[in-house]
Amino acid sequence: METRKEMFLVRLGKFVWVKVVAVIVAGLFLYQDIVWAGGEEVLSKAFSPQAAGLGAPLAQVERANRNID
């Protein structure tokens, strides 16, 4: 059976990992907010297929859908 001190250290270790992950996620959101406010493209759009030139622009897709009807 674990002692109270060992149980405390185990719980503290788990809590520290949660805090580390929370700080990283908060930092990423803050970075994205700063990038967006500066007028640059956000990371989610920078890595999308359309941004890489692999997807069709939305206007082309809409025209193709109208031609089907």
Protein backbone atom coordinates (compact mmCIF):
# COMPACT_ATOMS: atom_id res chain seq x y z
CA MET A 1 0.00 0.00 0.00
CA GLU A 2 1.32 3.41 -0.92
CA THR A 3 1.98 5.95 1.75
CA ARG A 4 0.23 9.27 1.77
CA LYS A 5 3.41 10.98 0.54
CA GLU A 6 3.72 8.61 -2.43
CA MET A 7 0.07 9.09 -3.34
CA PHE A 8 0.52 12.86 -3.14
CA LEU A 9 3.55 12.73 -5.44
CA VAL A 10 1.69 10.55 -7.97
CA ARG A 11 -1.27 12.93 -8.03
CA LEU A 12 1.05 15.93 -8.27
CA GLY A 13 2.87 14.36 -11.22
CA LYS A 14 -0.39 13.82 -13.09
CA PHE A 15 -1.48 17.37 -12.31
CA VAL A 16 1.81 18.80 -13.62
CA TRP A 17 1.30 17.09 -17.00
CA VAL A 18 -2.19 18.54 -17.25
CA LYS A 19 -0.82 22.00 -16.54
CA VAL A 20 1.96 21.60 -19.13
CA VAL A 21 -0.52 20.54 -21.83
CA ALA A 22 -2.89 23.37 -20.87
CA VAL A 23 -0.09 25.95 -21.13
CA ILE A 24 0.96 24.63 -24.55
CA VAL A 25 -2.62 24.72 -25.88
CA ALA A 26 -3.19 28.21 -24.46
CA GLY A 27 0.07 29.35 -26.07
CA LEU A 28 -1.02 28.02 -29.46
CA PHE A 29 -4.37 29.80 -29.23
CA LEU A 30 -2.63 33.03 -28.22
CA TYR A 31 -0.17 32.70 -31.12
CA GLN A 32 -3.03 32.13 -33.59
CA ASP A 33 -4.90 35.15 -32.23
CA ILE A 34 -1.82 37.35 -32.67
CA VAL A 35 -1.21 36.02 -36.21
CA TRP A 36 -4.86 36.56 -37.18
CA ALA A 37 -4.87 40.09 -35.73
CA GLY A 38 -1.75 40.88 -37.75
CA GLY A 39 -3.52 39.93 -40.98
CA GLU A 40 -1.47 36.83 -41.68
CA GLU A 41 -2.93 33.45 -42.58
CA VAL A 42 -3.72 31.18 -39.64
CA LEU A 43 -2.05 27.78 -39.35
CA SER A 44 -5.21 25.82 -40.17
CA LYS A 45 -5.45 27.53 -43.57
CA ALA A 46 -1.72 27.45 -44.22
CA PHE A 47 -1.74 23.64 -44.24
CA SER A 48 -5.01 23.10 -46.10
CA PRO A 49 -4.90 21.47 -49.58
CA GLN A 50 -6.34 24.58 -51.23
CA ALA A 51 -3.56 26.73 -49.78
CA ALA A 52 -1.02 24.30 -51.21
CA GLY A 53 -2.61 24.62 -54.66
CA LEU A 54 -4.13 21.14 -54.56
CA GLY A 55 -7.82 22.02 -54.19
CA ALA A 56 -10.28 23.83 -56.38
CA PRO A 57 -11.36 27.34 -55.39
CA LEU A 58 -14.85 27.59 -53.94
CA ALA A 59 -16.14 29.54 -56.97
CA GLN A 60 -15.21 26.65 -59.29
CA VAL A 61 -16.98 24.15 -57.06
CA GLU A 62 -20.13 26.30 -56.94
CA ARG A 63 -20.14 26.67 -60.76
CA ALA A 64 -19.76 22.92 -61.18
CA ASN A 65 -22.67 22.30 -58.82
CA ARG A 66 -24.88 24.73 -60.76
CA ASN A 67 -24.09 22.94 -64.03
CA ILE A 68 -25.29 19.64 -62.58
CA ASP A 69 -28.81 20.96 -61.85
